[in-house]
Amino acid sequence: MDFETRDFTMLVKRTREKFDVSLDAAHDLIFADPAMRRLVAWRINHDAECRKQALRDVRRKGDQSRFVQDGDRIRFREPVIIQG
């Protein structure tokens, strides 16, 4: 699949418009799909601009970031499951 940065930007924009949600909520909806998570995980480790954006997210949000730096790689943070 040839998925460009502009394609992801458009997907986020359309998700926000369709569901009338915030930027973070749009990302939550998109990243809920395992195929999208794999695609984004690959992109952030192979595309300099995607990597830069993921690292910026890690620096700005810290433990609240969707991403975590693992050595020289970046991966999605494992979700915290609260049992009740």
N, C-alpha and C. Protein backbone atom coordinates (compact mmCIF):
# COMPACT_ATOMS: atom_id res chain seq x y z
N MET A 1 0.84 -1.17 0.00
CA MET A 1 0.00 0.00 0.00
C MET A 1 0.89 1.24 0.00
N ASP A 2 0.64 2.12 -0.89
CA ASP A 2 1.39 3.36 -0.98
C ASP A 2 0.59 4.45 -0.27
N PHE A 3 0.91 4.68 0.97
CA PHE A 3 0.16 5.62 1.81
C PHE A 3 1.06 6.79 2.13
N GLU A 4 0.75 7.94 1.58
CA GLU A 4 1.56 9.14 1.73
C GLU A 4 1.10 9.93 2.96
N THR A 5 1.97 10.80 3.43
CA THR A 5 1.64 11.66 4.57
C THR A 5 0.39 12.48 4.28
N ARG A 6 0.26 12.98 3.07
CA ARG A 6 -0.92 13.79 2.73
C ARG A 6 -2.19 12.94 2.79
N ASP A 7 -2.08 11.65 2.51
CA ASP A 7 -3.24 10.77 2.60
C ASP A 7 -3.70 10.64 4.05
N PHE A 8 -2.74 10.51 4.96
CA PHE A 8 -3.08 10.40 6.38
C PHE A 8 -3.68 11.71 6.88
N THR A 9 -3.11 12.81 6.45
CA THR A 9 -3.65 14.12 6.84
C THR A 9 -5.09 14.27 6.37
N MET A 10 -5.37 13.84 5.16
CA MET A 10 -6.74 13.91 4.63
C MET A 10 -7.66 12.95 5.39
N LEU A 11 -7.17 11.78 5.74
CA LEU A 11 -7.97 10.84 6.53
C LEU A 11 -8.35 11.44 7.87
N VAL A 12 -7.41 12.09 8.53
CA VAL A 12 -7.69 12.73 9.82
C VAL A 12 -8.73 13.83 9.63
N LYS A 13 -8.53 14.65 8.60
CA LYS A 13 -9.47 15.75 8.34
C LYS A 13 -10.88 15.22 8.09
N ARG A 14 -10.99 14.21 7.26
CA ARG A 14 -12.32 13.65 6.95
C ARG A 14 -12.95 12.97 8.16
N THR A 15 -12.14 12.32 8.97
CA THR A 15 -12.65 11.67 10.19
C THR A 15 -13.20 12.73 11.14
N ARG A 16 -12.46 13.83 11.30
CA ARG A 16 -12.92 14.91 12.16
C ARG A 16 -14.24 15.48 11.67
N GLU A 17 -14.35 15.69 10.36
CA GLU A 17 -15.57 16.25 9.80
C GLU A 17 -16.75 15.29 9.93
N LYS A 18 -16.52 14.04 9.58
CA LYS A 18 -17.61 13.05 9.59
C LYS A 18 -18.18 12.82 10.98
N PHE A 19 -17.27 12.71 11.97
CA PHE A 19 -17.72 12.38 13.33
C PHE A 19 -17.77 13.59 14.25
N ASP A 20 -17.41 14.78 13.73
CA ASP A 20 -17.42 16.01 14.51
C ASP A 20 -16.65 15.82 15.82
N VAL A 21 -15.38 15.41 15.67
CA VAL A 21 -14.55 15.12 16.84
C VAL A 21 -13.26 15.95 16.80
N SER A 22 -12.58 15.96 17.92
CA SER A 22 -11.30 16.67 18.04
C SER A 22 -10.21 15.91 17.28
N LEU A 23 -9.06 16.54 17.17
CA LEU A 23 -7.91 15.91 16.52
C LEU A 23 -7.52 14.62 17.25
N ASP A 24 -7.44 14.68 18.58
CA ASP A 24 -7.07 13.49 19.34
C ASP A 24 -8.11 12.38 19.19
N ALA A 25 -9.38 12.73 19.19
CA ALA A 25 -10.43 11.73 19.03
C ALA A 25 -10.37 11.11 17.63
N ALA A 26 -10.05 11.91 16.62
CA ALA A 26 -9.90 11.37 15.26
C ALA A 26 -8.76 10.37 15.22
N HIS A 27 -7.64 10.71 15.85
CA HIS A 27 -6.52 9.76 15.92
C HIS A 27 -6.93 8.49 16.64
N ASP A 28 -7.69 8.62 17.74
CA ASP A 28 -8.15 7.42 18.46
C ASP A 28 -8.97 6.52 17.55
N LEU A 29 -9.87 7.11 16.79
CA LEU A 29 -10.70 6.31 15.87
C LEU A 29 -9.85 5.62 14.81
N ILE A 30 -8.93 6.36 14.23
CA ILE A 30 -8.08 5.81 13.17
C ILE A 30 -7.17 4.72 13.72
N PHE A 31 -6.56 4.97 14.88
CA PHE A 31 -5.60 4.01 15.43
C PHE A 31 -6.28 2.81 16.09
N ALA A 32 -7.61 2.82 16.18
CA ALA A 32 -8.32 1.66 16.69
C ALA A 32 -8.26 0.50 15.70
N ASP A 33 -7.97 0.81 14.45
CA ASP A 33 -7.87 -0.20 13.40
C ASP A 33 -6.46 -0.79 13.40
N PRO A 34 -6.32 -2.10 13.65
CA PRO A 34 -4.99 -2.72 13.69
C PRO A 34 -4.17 -2.51 12.41
N ALA A 35 -4.82 -2.51 11.26
CA ALA A 35 -4.09 -2.31 10.00
C ALA A 35 -3.49 -0.91 9.94
N MET A 36 -4.25 0.08 10.39
CA MET A 36 -3.73 1.45 10.41
C MET A 36 -2.60 1.59 11.42
N ARG A 37 -2.72 0.92 12.56
CA ARG A 37 -1.64 0.98 13.56
C ARG A 37 -0.35 0.40 12.98
N ARG A 38 -0.46 -0.72 12.27
CA ARG A 38 0.74 -1.32 11.65
C ARG A 38 1.34 -0.38 10.62
N LEU A 39 0.49 0.20 9.80
CA LEU A 39 0.95 1.11 8.76
C LEU A 39 1.65 2.33 9.37
N VAL A 40 1.02 2.93 10.37
CA VAL A 40 1.61 4.11 11.01
C VAL A 40 2.90 3.73 11.75
N ALA A 41 2.91 2.59 12.41
CA ALA A 41 4.13 2.15 13.10
C ALA A 41 5.28 1.98 12.12
N TRP A 42 4.99 1.43 10.96
CA TRP A 42 6.04 1.28 9.95
C TRP A 42 6.51 2.64 9.48
N ARG A 43 5.54 3.53 9.19
CA ARG A 43 5.89 4.87 8.67
C ARG A 43 6.74 5.67 9.66
N ILE A 44 6.41 5.62 10.94
CA ILE A 44 7.18 6.44 11.89
C ILE A 44 8.60 5.93 12.06
N ASN A 45 8.86 4.72 11.65
CA ASN A 45 10.22 4.20 11.74
C ASN A 45 10.97 4.21 10.41
N HIS A 46 10.29 4.61 9.32
CA HIS A 46 10.93 4.62 8.01
C HIS A 46 10.81 5.95 7.25
N ASP A 47 10.04 6.87 7.77
CA ASP A 47 9.84 8.16 7.11
C ASP A 47 10.25 9.26 8.09
N ALA A 48 11.21 10.07 7.69
CA ALA A 48 11.79 11.09 8.59
C ALA A 48 10.74 12.06 9.13
N GLU A 49 9.82 12.52 8.29
CA GLU A 49 8.80 13.47 8.75
C GLU A 49 7.83 12.83 9.74
N CYS A 50 7.43 11.60 9.48
CA CYS A 50 6.54 10.89 10.40
C CYS A 50 7.24 10.66 11.75
N ARG A 51 8.51 10.29 11.68
CA ARG A 51 9.29 10.07 12.90
C ARG A 51 9.38 11.36 13.71
N LYS A 52 9.63 12.47 13.02
CA LYS A 52 9.74 13.75 13.69
C LYS A 52 8.44 14.10 14.42
N GLN A 53 7.31 13.86 13.76
CA GLN A 53 6.02 14.15 14.37
C GLN A 53 5.76 13.25 15.58
N ALA A 54 6.11 11.98 15.47
CA ALA A 54 5.91 11.05 16.60
C ALA A 54 6.79 11.45 17.78
N LEU A 55 8.04 11.80 17.52
CA LEU A 55 8.94 12.22 18.60
C LEU A 55 8.46 13.52 19.24
N ARG A 56 7.92 14.42 18.44
CA ARG A 56 7.35 15.66 18.99
C ARG A 56 6.19 15.32 19.93
N ASP A 57 5.36 14.38 19.53
CA ASP A 57 4.24 13.95 20.37
C ASP A 57 4.75 13.37 21.69
N VAL A 58 5.80 12.57 21.63
CA VAL A 58 6.38 11.97 22.84
C VAL A 58 6.90 13.07 23.76
N ARG A 59 7.61 14.04 23.21
CA ARG A 59 8.16 15.14 24.03
C ARG A 59 7.06 15.99 24.64
N ARG A 60 6.03 16.30 23.87
CA ARG A 60 4.97 17.20 24.34
C ARG A 60 4.02 16.53 25.33
N LYS A 61 3.71 15.27 25.08
CA LYS A 61 2.69 14.61 25.90
C LYS A 61 3.25 13.64 26.93
N GLY A 62 4.51 13.30 26.82
CA GLY A 62 5.12 12.40 27.80
C GLY A 62 4.39 11.07 27.90
N ASP A 63 3.99 10.72 29.12
CA ASP A 63 3.30 9.44 29.35
C ASP A 63 1.92 9.38 28.72
N GLN A 64 1.39 10.52 28.28
CA GLN A 64 0.08 10.54 27.64
C GLN A 64 0.17 10.36 26.12
N SER A 65 1.39 10.30 25.60
CA SER A 65 1.59 10.11 24.16
C SER A 65 1.14 8.72 23.74
N ARG A 66 0.67 8.60 22.51
CA ARG A 66 0.32 7.29 21.96
C ARG A 66 1.57 6.47 21.65
N PHE A 67 2.71 7.15 21.60
CA PHE A 67 3.96 6.52 21.17
C PHE A 67 4.96 6.46 22.31
N VAL A 68 5.88 5.54 22.18
CA VAL A 68 6.98 5.43 23.14
C VAL A 68 8.24 5.12 22.34
N GLN A 69 9.34 5.75 22.75
CA GLN A 69 10.61 5.48 22.09
C GLN A 69 11.21 4.25 22.75
N ASP A 70 11.59 3.28 21.93
CA ASP A 70 12.13 2.02 22.39
C ASP A 70 13.48 1.84 21.70
N GLY A 71 14.54 2.36 22.33
CA GLY A 71 15.85 2.36 21.68
C GLY A 71 15.81 3.32 20.51
N ASP A 72 16.19 2.84 19.34
CA ASP A 72 16.15 3.71 18.15
C ASP A 72 14.83 3.59 17.38
N ARG A 73 13.88 2.84 17.93
CA ARG A 73 12.58 2.66 17.28
C ARG A 73 11.49 3.38 18.07
N ILE A 74 10.40 3.65 17.40
CA ILE A 74 9.23 4.22 18.04
C ILE A 74 8.09 3.24 17.82
N ARG A 75 7.32 3.01 18.86
CA ARG A 75 6.20 2.08 18.74
C ARG A 75 4.99 2.69 19.45
N PHE A 76 3.83 2.10 19.20
CA PHE A 76 2.64 2.52 19.91
C PHE A 76 2.75 2.07 21.36
N ARG A 77 2.34 2.93 22.25
CA ARG A 77 2.28 2.59 23.67
C ARG A 77 1.18 1.54 23.86
N GLU A 78 1.44 0.57 24.66
CA GLU A 78 0.42 -0.44 24.95
C GLU A 78 -0.68 0.21 25.77
N PRO A 79 -1.94 -0.02 25.40
CA PRO A 79 -3.04 0.60 26.16
C PRO A 79 -3.12 0.03 27.56
N VAL A 80 -3.49 0.90 28.48
CA VAL A 80 -3.71 0.48 29.86
C VAL A 80 -5.13 -0.06 29.96
N ILE A 81 -5.25 -1.27 30.46
CA ILE A 81 -6.57 -1.89 30.58
C ILE A 81 -6.96 -1.85 32.06
N ILE A 82 -8.06 -1.17 32.31
CA ILE A 82 -8.55 -1.04 33.68
C ILE A 82 -9.67 -2.05 33.86
N GLN A 83 -9.46 -2.91 34.83
CA GLN A 83 -10.49 -3.92 35.13
C GLN A 83 -11.35 -3.43 36.28
N GLY A 84 -12.64 -3.64 36.15
CA GLY A 84 -13.51 -3.09 37.19
C GLY A 84 -14.48 -4.01 37.67
